[in-house]
Amino acid sequence: MLFLADIRERLVIVALDDEEYFRAIAAAAGNGVMGGAIYDALLAHCALLAKAETIYTWNVRHYDQVSDAVAERVRTP
């Protein structure tokens, strides 16, 4: 619980409603994203909603597929 409390103090929690969830998946599928990369596309959509300047991932390829707006923010840690 201490760990979770620490995270809540430092990060913004982003939740998608059903319409945002559908739009994110539809946009990702339209860009050829499929399989497990859909999960990364949902995370990327949340990052855009939170106005993240940088998205850190070891799996840059999945995020580059999502959209140009995501690809320009992706960095490897």
C-alpha atoms as a PDB file:
ATOM      1  CA  MET A   1       0.000   0.000   0.000  1.00  0.00           C
ATOM      2  CA  LEU A   2       2.902   2.360   0.684  1.00  0.00           C
ATOM      3  CA  PHE A   3       4.202   1.767  -2.821  1.00  0.00           C
ATOM      4  CA  LEU A   4       0.784   2.491  -4.360  1.00  0.00           C
ATOM      5  CA  ALA A   5       0.393   5.641  -2.269  1.00  0.00           C
ATOM      6  CA  ASP A   6       3.811   6.823  -3.445  1.00  0.00           C
ATOM      7  CA  ILE A   7       2.839   6.288  -7.077  1.00  0.00           C
ATOM      8  CA  ARG A   8      -0.432   8.196  -6.673  1.00  0.00           C
ATOM      9  CA  GLU A   9       1.489  11.167  -5.270  1.00  0.00           C
ATOM     10  CA  ARG A  10       3.940  11.282  -8.184  1.00  0.00           C
ATOM     11  CA  LEU A  11       1.936  10.281 -11.250  1.00  0.00           C
ATOM     12  CA  VAL A  12      -1.303  11.187 -12.954  1.00  0.00           C
ATOM     13  CA  ILE A  13      -3.746   8.322 -13.309  1.00  0.00           C
ATOM     14  CA  VAL A  14      -5.472   8.380 -16.697  1.00  0.00           C
ATOM     15  CA  ALA A  15      -8.639   6.376 -17.267  1.00  0.00           C
ATOM     16  CA  LEU A  16     -10.306   5.979 -20.633  1.00  0.00           C
ATOM     17  CA  ASP A  17     -14.070   6.025 -20.922  1.00  0.00           C
ATOM     18  CA  ASP A  18     -15.751   3.650 -23.350  1.00  0.00           C
ATOM     19  CA  GLU A  19     -15.717   6.182 -26.214  1.00  0.00           C
ATOM     20  CA  GLU A  20     -11.987   7.009 -25.803  1.00  0.00           C
ATOM     21  CA  TYR A  21     -11.183   3.312 -25.524  1.00  0.00           C
ATOM     22  CA  PHE A  22     -13.025   2.590 -28.763  1.00  0.00           C
ATOM     23  CA  ARG A  23     -11.421   5.544 -30.594  1.00  0.00           C
ATOM     24  CA  ALA A  24      -7.937   4.530 -29.455  1.00  0.00           C
ATOM     25  CA  ILE A  25      -8.352   0.941 -30.647  1.00  0.00           C
ATOM     26  CA  ALA A  26      -9.983   1.991 -33.929  1.00  0.00           C
ATOM     27  CA  ALA A  27      -7.172   4.469 -34.673  1.00  0.00           C
ATOM     28  CA  ALA A  28      -4.500   1.916 -33.796  1.00  0.00           C
ATOM     29  CA  ALA A  29      -6.124  -0.769 -35.950  1.00  0.00           C
ATOM     30  CA  GLY A  30      -6.340   1.747 -38.795  1.00  0.00           C
ATOM     31  CA  ASN A  31      -2.559   2.168 -38.542  1.00  0.00           C
ATOM     32  CA  GLY A  32      -1.975  -1.596 -38.690  1.00  0.00           C
ATOM     33  CA  VAL A  33      -1.489  -2.143 -34.971  1.00  0.00           C
ATOM     34  CA  MET A  34      -2.652  -5.601 -33.882  1.00  0.00           C
ATOM     35  CA  GLY A  35      -2.173  -8.262 -31.260  1.00  0.00           C
ATOM     36  CA  GLY A  36      -0.368  -7.353 -28.065  1.00  0.00           C
ATOM     37  CA  ALA A  37       0.699  -4.006 -29.535  1.00  0.00           C
ATOM     38  CA  ILE A  38      -2.894  -2.816 -28.990  1.00  0.00           C
ATOM     39  CA  TYR A  39      -2.092  -2.631 -25.264  1.00  0.00           C
ATOM     40  CA  ASP A  40       0.845  -0.325 -26.048  1.00  0.00           C
ATOM     41  CA  ALA A  41      -1.455   1.764 -28.257  1.00  0.00           C
ATOM     42  CA  LEU A  42      -3.854   2.196 -25.329  1.00  0.00           C
ATOM     43  CA  LEU A  43      -0.996   3.274 -23.079  1.00  0.00           C
ATOM     44  CA  ALA A  44       0.169   5.719 -25.746  1.00  0.00           C
ATOM     45  CA  HIS A  45      -3.336   7.155 -26.020  1.00  0.00           C
ATOM     46  CA  CYS A  46      -3.367   7.700 -22.255  1.00  0.00           C
ATOM     47  CA  ALA A  47       0.019   9.427 -22.483  1.00  0.00           C
ATOM     48  CA  LEU A  48      -1.336  11.802 -25.128  1.00  0.00           C
ATOM     49  CA  LEU A  49      -4.400  12.558 -22.985  1.00  0.00           C
ATOM     50  CA  ALA A  50      -2.087  13.329 -20.074  1.00  0.00           C
ATOM     51  CA  LYS A  51      -0.071  15.626 -22.381  1.00  0.00           C
ATOM     52  CA  ALA A  52       3.110  13.635 -21.787  1.00  0.00           C
ATOM     53  CA  GLU A  53       6.144  15.208 -23.416  1.00  0.00           C
ATOM     54  CA  THR A  54       8.065  11.917 -23.484  1.00  0.00           C
ATOM     55  CA  ILE A  55       6.982   8.280 -23.558  1.00  0.00           C
ATOM     56  CA  TYR A  56       9.690   5.893 -22.366  1.00  0.00           C
ATOM     57  CA  THR A  57       9.667   2.293 -23.567  1.00  0.00           C
ATOM     58  CA  TRP A  58      12.031  -0.496 -24.527  1.00  0.00           C
ATOM     59  CA  ASN A  59       9.588  -1.452 -27.279  1.00  0.00           C
ATOM     60  CA  VAL A  60       9.848   1.605 -29.531  1.00  0.00           C
ATOM     61  CA  ARG A  61       8.596  -0.278 -32.601  1.00  0.00           C
ATOM     62  CA  HIS A  62       5.125  -0.846 -31.099  1.00  0.00           C
ATOM     63  CA  TYR A  63       4.740   2.810 -30.169  1.00  0.00           C
ATOM     64  CA  ASP A  64       6.036   4.108 -33.499  1.00  0.00           C
ATOM     65  CA  GLN A  65       3.164   2.297 -35.231  1.00  0.00           C
ATOM     66  CA  VAL A  66       0.467   4.067 -33.215  1.00  0.00           C
ATOM     67  CA  SER A  67       0.671   7.561 -34.705  1.00  0.00           C
ATOM     68  CA  ASP A  68       3.097  10.321 -35.608  1.00  0.00           C
ATOM     69  CA  ALA A  69       2.121  12.212 -32.436  1.00  0.00           C
ATOM     70  CA  VAL A  70       3.212   9.208 -30.379  1.00  0.00           C
ATOM     71  CA  ALA A  71       6.325   8.402 -32.435  1.00  0.00           C
ATOM     72  CA  GLU A  72       7.766  11.884 -31.913  1.00  0.00           C
ATOM     73  CA  ARG A  73       7.515  11.476 -28.121  1.00  0.00           C
ATOM     74  CA  VAL A  74       8.933   7.932 -27.801  1.00  0.00           C
ATOM     75  CA  ARG A  75      12.366   7.451 -26.259  1.00  0.00           C
ATOM     76  CA  THR A  76      14.306   4.471 -24.954  1.00  0.00           C
ATOM     77  CA  PRO A  77      15.280   4.810 -21.266  1.00  0.00           C
END
